[in-house]
Protein backbone atom coordinates (compact mmCIF):
# COMPACT_ATOMS: atom_id res chain seq x y z
CA MET A 1 11.77 -9.85 1.73
CA PRO A 2 9.89 -6.65 2.71
CA LEU A 3 8.45 -4.37 0.09
CA SER A 4 10.73 -1.90 -1.49
CA ARG A 5 11.19 1.72 -0.41
CA ARG A 6 9.92 2.71 -3.92
CA VAL A 7 6.63 1.00 -3.19
CA ALA A 8 6.48 2.57 0.27
CA GLU A 9 6.91 6.07 -1.17
CA TRP A 10 4.24 5.41 -3.90
CA ASN A 11 1.83 4.21 -1.14
CA ARG A 12 2.67 7.23 1.09
CA ALA A 13 1.99 9.59 -1.89
CA GLY A 14 -1.14 7.90 -3.31
CA LEU A 15 -2.68 4.95 -1.56
CA ASN A 16 -2.40 5.78 2.09
CA LYS A 17 -4.83 8.64 2.01
CA PRO A 18 -7.91 6.58 0.90
CA MET A 19 -6.72 3.55 3.00
CA ARG A 20 -6.74 5.66 6.21
CA ARG A 21 -10.44 5.69 5.95
CA ALA A 22 -11.02 2.09 4.74
CA ALA A 23 -8.34 0.20 6.69
CA PRO A 24 -10.09 0.40 10.08
CA TRP A 25 -12.96 -1.63 8.63
CA ILE A 26 -11.13 -4.20 6.58
CA PRO A 27 -10.11 -7.49 8.30
CA GLY A 28 -6.37 -7.68 8.86
CA LEU A 29 -5.89 -3.92 8.47
CA ALA A 30 -6.14 -0.93 10.84
CA VAL A 31 -4.63 2.56 11.21
CA VAL A 32 -1.77 3.08 13.64
CA ILE A 33 -1.64 6.58 15.17
CA HIS A 34 1.86 7.61 16.22
CA ARG A 35 4.06 10.69 16.69
CA GLY A 36 7.15 11.63 14.78
CA ARG A 37 10.47 11.01 16.70
CA ARG A 38 11.68 14.52 16.12
CA SER A 39 8.82 16.61 14.96
CA GLY A 40 6.19 15.34 17.37
CA THR A 41 3.68 15.45 14.47
CA GLU A 42 0.87 13.02 14.62
CA TYR A 43 0.75 10.47 11.85
CA ARG A 44 -1.87 7.93 10.73
CA THR A 45 -0.51 4.84 9.00
CA PRO A 46 -2.44 2.02 7.46
CA VAL A 47 -1.03 -1.31 8.74
CA ASN A 48 -1.50 -5.02 8.61
CA VAL A 49 -2.49 -6.04 12.18
CA PHE A 50 -3.86 -9.08 13.94
CA ARG A 51 -5.40 -9.57 17.46
CA THR A 52 -3.44 -11.55 19.96
CA ARG A 53 -4.30 -12.62 23.55
CA ASP A 54 -2.76 -9.48 25.16
CA GLY A 55 -2.85 -7.00 22.27
CA PHE A 56 -1.85 -6.90 18.60
CA THR A 57 0.78 -8.12 16.17
CA PHE A 58 1.76 -6.03 13.17
CA ALA A 59 3.10 -7.67 10.07
CA LEU A 60 5.93 -5.38 8.95
CA THR A 61 5.48 -5.36 5.24
CA TYR A 62 8.19 -2.69 4.75
CA GLY A 63 10.49 -4.10 7.41
CA SER A 64 11.52 -2.86 10.83
CA GLY A 65 13.14 0.26 9.43
CA ALA A 66 9.86 1.82 8.36
CA ASP A 67 9.40 5.29 9.86
CA TRP A 68 6.15 4.38 11.67
CA VAL A 69 7.91 1.42 13.33
CA ARG A 70 10.83 3.60 14.43
CA ASN A 71 8.46 6.19 15.75
CA VAL A 72 6.46 3.59 17.85
CA LEU A 73 9.60 1.99 19.15
CA ALA A 74 11.04 5.41 20.27
CA ALA A 75 7.76 6.50 21.85
CA GLY A 76 6.99 3.08 23.51
CA GLU A 77 3.36 3.46 22.67
CA ALA A 78 0.86 4.18 19.94
CA GLU A 79 -2.95 4.08 19.27
CA LEU A 80 -4.70 1.77 16.94
CA LEU A 81 -7.96 2.65 15.02
CA ARG A 82 -9.74 -0.67 14.32
CA ARG A 83 -13.40 -1.40 13.71
CA GLY A 84 -14.47 2.02 14.80
CA GLN A 85 -12.53 1.83 18.14
CA THR A 86 -9.32 3.41 19.24
CA LYS A 87 -7.06 1.10 21.32
CA ARG A 88 -4.12 2.35 23.38
CA LEU A 89 -1.05 0.20 22.92
CA TYR A 90 2.33 -0.02 24.71
CA ALA A 91 5.40 -2.20 25.20
CA PRO A 92 6.43 -2.52 21.49
CA ARG A 93 8.61 -5.66 20.78
CA LEU A 94 10.15 -6.56 17.40
CA TYR A 95 10.66 -10.23 16.57
CA THR A 96 11.26 -12.38 13.57
CA ASP A 97 9.12 -15.55 12.81
CA GLN A 98 10.00 -17.46 9.74
CA ASP A 99 6.70 -19.40 9.90
CA ASN A 100 4.34 -16.53 10.93
CA HIS A 101 2.90 -18.48 13.81
CA ALA A 102 1.03 -15.60 15.35
CA LEU A 103 -1.07 -14.92 12.27
CA PRO A 104 -4.39 -16.45 11.17
CA THR A 105 -3.82 -19.24 8.45
CA PRO A 106 -4.86 -17.34 5.29
CA PHE A 107 -2.69 -14.37 6.22
CA ARG A 108 0.20 -16.64 7.39
CA GLN A 109 0.43 -18.19 3.99
CA LEU A 110 0.14 -14.90 2.10
CA LEU A 111 2.76 -13.08 4.08
CA LYS A 112 5.09 -16.05 4.05
CA ARG A 113 4.92 -16.10 0.25
CA GLY A 114 5.66 -12.37 0.27
CA GLY A 115 8.80 -13.03 2.46
CA ILE A 116 7.34 -11.02 5.41
CA VAL A 117 8.97 -12.42 8.57
CA GLU A 118 9.32 -9.30 10.82
CA PHE A 119 6.69 -8.42 13.22
CA LEU A 120 5.91 -5.85 15.97
CA GLU A 121 3.94 -6.95 18.94
CA MET A 122 2.18 -4.46 21.31
CA ARG A 123 0.09 -4.92 24.40
CA GLU A 124 -3.22 -3.22 24.84
CA ARG A 125 -3.72 -0.93 27.80
CA PRO A 126 -6.70 -1.75 29.90
CA SER A 127 -9.62 0.76 29.45
């Protein structure tokens, strides 16, 4: 079960600001850069993300209805700030995986215990 909207609002108001600076340097975390669907405003959201063969997989800890997910799906692209580099991503695809196969083992177990089974996969644009 994804984290509650109340936790999401609390994170947005308090925790996200310092996490925007730290997340790109913490394994399993990064910052997704996306634009609002209606406003066009640029947003930077800390996320749980993991490298895949062709791009990245995001663990949707707040579910597929989170604003950042909806923005990325609508735009069809985003940028990812990770380990001091900005990656351009495209072709977002939502999927459900009850066993979290795409994740490294320690994260797989942790997210599975938390009931996180929704993911967003994106491909990396060649440089």
